[in-house]
Amino acid sequence: MEPFSLKLTKTADGSHTLFVPELNEHYHSVNGAVAESEHVFIGAGLSFATRQFKEIRALEVGFGTGLNALLAFAFAEANHLQLSYTGLEPNPPAAEILDKLNYRDLSIFPAIPLWWQRIHCLAPWDTTTAMGDLWSLTKCTSDLEDFGAPEGSFNLVFFDAFAPQVQPALWTAAMFQKIAGMLETGGILVTYSSKGEVRRNLKTAGFVVEKIPGPAGKREMVRAIRLPLQHG
């Protein structure tokens, strides 16, 4: 796939995102990139998952700028949480673009600058990198369609693909069934979209779906829990 032409954009909370002219789409919410990530993926996802699981095995669909991973690892360090993180991104932004993002200036966690260095400078693509005794990162230049892992490989999914109208093939029941097949029973999926079709496809794929309050600019988001798989 040809790399996107990306433009730096400042969002409502002062944090940057990237705009893709070819898709007319931003990587994060223009109402606040960091605020969205904190609310959807850390608060409703990772923090919630720690009530169910002692160690987290996370899969992110749409690694993008690495913002969700950055906040997840910083949260894990602050809370002494074991975290293995796999991010899928077939179109990684170039280093010179990433270097312009202001995420290293975040004051949410003291370790943010160090984690930025680890994620973007010390962890090569398509291999697993140990980040210390409790943490590991695997960045994959792969589409969800081409990625596979055994059942139970993950217990948390950050579904952060471009919006359903932009990447409809990723939001189908078949794709959610594929994800369900890689999750353990009780595994959690969170996403910013609460569209009716998204919720129906998740239910078809074997998830219990709930709408919960969304981040700034979005009334609702979705959290879904994987039911036991039906083996035929």
Protein backbone atom coordinates (compact mmCIF):
# COMPACT_ATOMS: atom_id res chain seq x y z
CA MET A 1 0.00 0.00 0.00
CA GLU A 2 1.29 3.46 -0.90
CA PRO A 3 2.09 5.67 2.12
CA PHE A 4 -0.38 8.41 2.92
CA SER A 5 0.45 12.09 2.61
CA LEU A 6 0.01 13.32 6.18
CA LYS A 7 -0.63 16.79 7.58
CA LEU A 8 -0.07 17.80 11.20
CA THR A 9 -3.20 19.17 12.91
CA LYS A 10 -3.71 20.55 16.42
CA THR A 11 -6.87 19.29 18.16
CA ALA A 12 -9.11 21.00 20.70
CA ASP A 13 -7.11 19.84 23.75
CA GLY A 14 -3.85 21.14 22.27
CA SER A 15 -2.50 17.73 21.26
CA HIS A 16 -1.65 16.88 17.68
CA THR A 17 -3.19 14.45 15.27
CA LEU A 18 -2.50 13.64 11.62
CA PHE A 19 -4.84 14.36 8.71
CA VAL A 20 -4.99 12.08 5.65
CA PRO A 21 -6.14 14.14 2.63
CA GLU A 22 -6.65 11.01 0.49
CA LEU A 23 -9.25 9.74 2.98
CA ASN A 24 -10.44 13.10 4.33
CA GLU A 25 -9.90 11.57 7.75
CA HIS A 26 -7.96 12.31 10.93
CA TYR A 27 -6.08 9.73 12.97
CA HIS A 28 -7.73 10.97 16.17
CA SER A 29 -10.65 13.12 17.23
CA VAL A 30 -10.32 16.81 16.41
CA ASN A 31 -12.11 17.38 19.74
CA GLY A 32 -8.96 16.21 21.49
CA ALA A 33 -6.57 13.48 20.37
CA VAL A 34 -5.16 12.71 23.80
CA ALA A 35 -8.51 13.21 25.51
CA GLU A 36 -10.09 10.64 23.17
CA SER A 37 -7.30 8.12 23.70
CA GLU A 38 -7.43 8.51 27.47
CA HIS A 39 -11.20 8.13 27.59
CA VAL A 40 -11.84 5.37 25.05
CA PHE A 41 -8.75 3.19 25.23
CA ILE A 42 -7.20 3.78 28.63
CA GLY A 43 -10.20 4.53 30.85
CA ALA A 44 -12.90 2.37 29.24
CA GLY A 45 -10.42 -0.22 27.98
CA LEU A 46 -7.14 -0.79 29.81
CA SER A 47 -8.19 0.44 33.25
CA PHE A 48 -11.43 -1.53 33.02
CA ALA A 49 -9.55 -4.66 31.91
CA THR A 50 -7.34 -4.58 35.00
CA ARG A 51 -10.43 -5.44 37.07
CA GLN A 52 -10.73 -8.72 35.16
CA PHE A 53 -7.14 -9.68 34.32
CA LYS A 54 -3.89 -9.56 36.30
CA GLU A 55 -1.80 -9.18 33.17
CA ILE A 56 -2.90 -7.61 29.92
CA ARG A 57 -2.29 -8.98 26.44
CA ALA A 58 -3.46 -6.19 24.17
CA LEU A 59 -4.02 -6.00 20.41
CA GLU A 60 -4.44 -2.65 18.70
CA VAL A 61 -6.02 -2.46 15.26
CA GLY A 62 -4.74 0.86 13.91
CA PHE A 63 -1.45 1.57 15.72
CA GLY A 64 -1.09 4.86 13.81
CA THR A 65 0.97 7.41 15.72
CA GLY A 66 1.46 5.07 18.68
CA LEU A 67 -0.53 7.38 20.98
CA ASN A 68 -2.66 4.60 22.48
CA ALA A 69 0.43 2.43 23.05
CA LEU A 70 2.26 5.39 24.60
CA LEU A 71 -0.50 6.01 27.15
CA ALA A 72 -0.99 2.28 27.76
CA PHE A 73 2.65 1.63 28.64
CA ALA A 74 2.86 4.73 30.80
CA PHE A 75 -0.30 3.61 32.61
CA ALA A 76 1.13 0.10 33.01
CA GLU A 77 4.35 1.44 34.53
CA ALA A 78 2.48 3.76 36.89
CA ASN A 79 0.28 0.88 38.06
CA HIS A 80 2.91 -1.92 38.04
CA LEU A 81 0.89 -3.77 35.42
CA GLN A 82 2.26 -6.51 33.19
CA LEU A 83 1.48 -5.59 29.57
CA SER A 84 2.27 -7.21 26.26
CA TYR A 85 1.12 -5.05 23.38
CA THR A 86 0.71 -5.91 19.70
CA GLY A 87 -0.07 -3.10 17.26
CA LEU A 88 -1.14 -3.54 13.64
CA GLU A 89 -0.27 -0.74 11.23
CA PRO A 90 0.20 -1.43 7.50
CA ASN A 91 1.07 2.24 6.86
CA PRO A 92 3.41 3.49 9.62
CA PRO A 93 3.92 7.26 9.54
CA ALA A 94 7.46 8.33 8.67
CA ALA A 95 9.82 9.15 11.52
CA GLU A 96 10.07 12.80 10.46
CA ILE A 97 6.28 13.14 10.79
CA LEU A 98 6.18 11.41 14.17
CA ASP A 99 8.96 13.64 15.43
CA LYS A 100 6.71 16.69 14.98
CA LEU A 101 3.95 15.34 17.24
CA ASN A 102 3.80 16.94 20.69
CA TYR A 103 2.94 13.79 22.68
CA ARG A 104 6.33 13.81 24.41
CA ASP A 105 5.21 17.01 26.13
CA LEU A 106 2.32 15.26 27.88
CA SER A 107 2.31 15.66 31.66
CA ILE A 108 -0.20 12.84 32.28
CA PHE A 109 2.58 10.42 33.24
CA PRO A 110 6.20 11.37 34.09
CA ALA A 111 7.59 8.55 31.96
CA ILE A 112 5.93 9.68 28.69
CA PRO A 113 9.17 10.94 27.00
CA LEU A 114 10.99 7.71 27.83
CA TRP A 115 8.15 5.57 26.54
CA TRP A 116 8.00 7.57 23.32
CA GLN A 117 11.69 6.80 22.80
CA ARG A 118 11.18 3.12 23.53
CA ILE A 119 8.15 2.75 21.23
CA HIS A 120 9.41 4.71 18.22
CA CYS A 121 13.20 4.51 18.42
CA LEU A 122 14.09 1.29 20.23
CA ALA A 123 11.37 -1.09 18.99
CA PRO A 124 11.80 -2.18 15.35
CA TRP A 125 8.84 -3.24 13.25
CA ASP A 126 7.79 -6.86 12.81
CA THR A 127 9.57 -8.19 15.87
CA THR A 128 8.86 -8.41 19.59
CA THR A 129 10.85 -6.06 21.81
CA ALA A 130 11.14 -6.52 25.57
CA MET A 131 10.56 -3.23 27.35
CA GLY A 132 11.63 -4.43 30.78
CA ASP A 133 10.59 -7.31 33.02
CA LEU A 134 6.87 -6.48 32.74
CA TRP A 135 6.41 -5.12 29.23
CA SER A 136 6.80 -6.09 25.59
CA LEU A 137 5.83 -4.49 22.29
CA THR A 138 5.24 -6.06 18.89
CA LYS A 139 4.66 -3.63 16.03
CA CYS A 140 3.37 -5.36 12.89
CA THR A 141 3.22 -3.85 9.41
CA SER A 142 0.15 -5.98 8.76
CA ASP A 143 -3.52 -5.54 8.00
CA LEU A 144 -6.02 -7.25 10.25
CA GLU A 145 -7.00 -9.35 7.24
CA ASP A 146 -3.49 -10.83 7.06
CA PHE A 147 -2.83 -11.12 10.79
CA GLY A 148 -3.55 -14.22 12.84
CA ALA A 149 -2.97 -15.50 16.37
CA PRO A 150 -4.21 -18.51 18.36
CA GLU A 151 -7.37 -18.36 20.45
CA GLY A 152 -6.70 -16.74 23.80
CA SER A 153 -3.68 -14.76 22.59
CA PHE A 154 -5.24 -11.49 23.73
CA ASN A 155 -7.63 -10.29 26.42
CA LEU A 156 -7.98 -6.66 25.32
CA VAL A 157 -8.48 -5.08 21.90
CA PHE A 158 -8.14 -1.40 21.04
CA PHE A 159 -10.13 -1.15 17.81
CA ASP A 160 -8.91 2.16 16.41
CA ALA A 161 -9.26 1.73 12.66
CA PHE A 162 -10.40 4.64 10.52
CA ALA A 163 -14.15 5.22 10.68
CA PRO A 164 -16.58 2.65 9.23
CA GLN A 165 -17.40 4.87 6.25
CA VAL A 166 -13.67 5.16 5.45
CA GLN A 167 -12.56 1.55 6.06
CA PRO A 168 -15.80 -0.45 5.92
CA ALA A 169 -14.01 -3.77 5.32
CA LEU A 170 -12.52 -3.66 8.82
CA TRP A 171 -15.83 -3.19 10.63
CA THR A 172 -17.66 -6.27 9.33
CA ALA A 173 -18.98 -9.20 11.35
CA ALA A 174 -16.32 -11.36 9.69
CA MET A 175 -13.50 -9.14 10.97
CA PHE A 176 -14.98 -9.04 14.46
CA GLN A 177 -15.34 -12.83 14.35
CA LYS A 178 -11.65 -13.04 13.49
CA ILE A 179 -10.83 -10.89 16.50
CA ALA A 180 -13.12 -12.98 18.71
CA GLY A 181 -11.15 -16.03 17.65
CA MET A 182 -7.95 -14.47 19.03
CA LEU A 183 -9.50 -13.34 22.33
CA GLU A 184 -9.95 -15.35 25.46
CA THR A 185 -13.44 -15.69 26.89
CA GLY A 186 -14.31 -12.49 28.70
CA GLY A 187 -11.84 -10.53 26.59
CA ILE A 188 -12.67 -6.88 26.03
CA LEU A 189 -12.91 -4.80 22.86
CA VAL A 190 -13.27 -1.03 22.97
CA THR A 191 -13.84 1.36 20.09
CA TYR A 192 -14.87 4.97 19.61
CA SER A 193 -17.71 4.10 17.20
CA SER A 194 -21.20 3.28 18.44
CA LYS A 195 -22.93 3.03 15.06
CA GLY A 196 -25.80 0.58 14.92
CA GLU A 197 -24.12 -1.51 12.23
CA VAL A 198 -20.95 -1.78 14.31
CA ARG A 199 -22.90 -2.96 17.34
CA ARG A 200 -24.90 -5.47 15.27
CA ASN A 201 -21.73 -6.87 13.70
CA LEU A 202 -20.09 -7.26 17.10
CA LYS A 203 -23.14 -9.13 18.42
CA THR A 204 -23.11 -11.39 15.36
CA ALA A 205 -19.44 -12.11 16.06
CA GLY A 206 -20.18 -13.31 19.58
CA PHE A 207 -19.77 -10.22 21.75
CA VAL A 208 -21.99 -8.75 24.44
CA VAL A 209 -22.12 -5.08 23.50
CA GLU A 210 -22.75 -2.05 25.66
CA LYS A 211 -22.91 1.63 24.79
CA ILE A 212 -21.12 3.80 27.32
CA PRO A 213 -20.45 7.56 27.45
CA GLY A 214 -18.06 8.70 24.74
CA PRO A 215 -15.23 11.24 24.71
CA ALA A 216 -15.62 14.93 23.91
CA GLY A 217 -17.64 15.34 20.72
CA LYS A 218 -19.15 11.85 20.87
CA ARG A 219 -22.17 11.01 23.00
CA GLU A 220 -21.45 7.27 23.07
CA MET A 221 -18.78 4.65 22.43
CA VAL A 222 -18.77 0.85 22.58
CA ARG A 223 -17.30 -1.70 24.94
CA ALA A 224 -17.83 -5.36 24.02
CA ILE A 225 -17.10 -8.59 25.89
CA ARG A 226 -16.35 -11.83 24.10
CA LEU A 227 -18.71 -14.71 24.87
CA PRO A 228 -17.50 -18.33 24.83
CA LEU A 229 -16.89 -19.38 21.23
CA GLN A 230 -19.24 -21.87 19.66
CA HIS A 231 -17.15 -24.69 18.19
CA GLY A 232 -19.00 -26.63 15.56
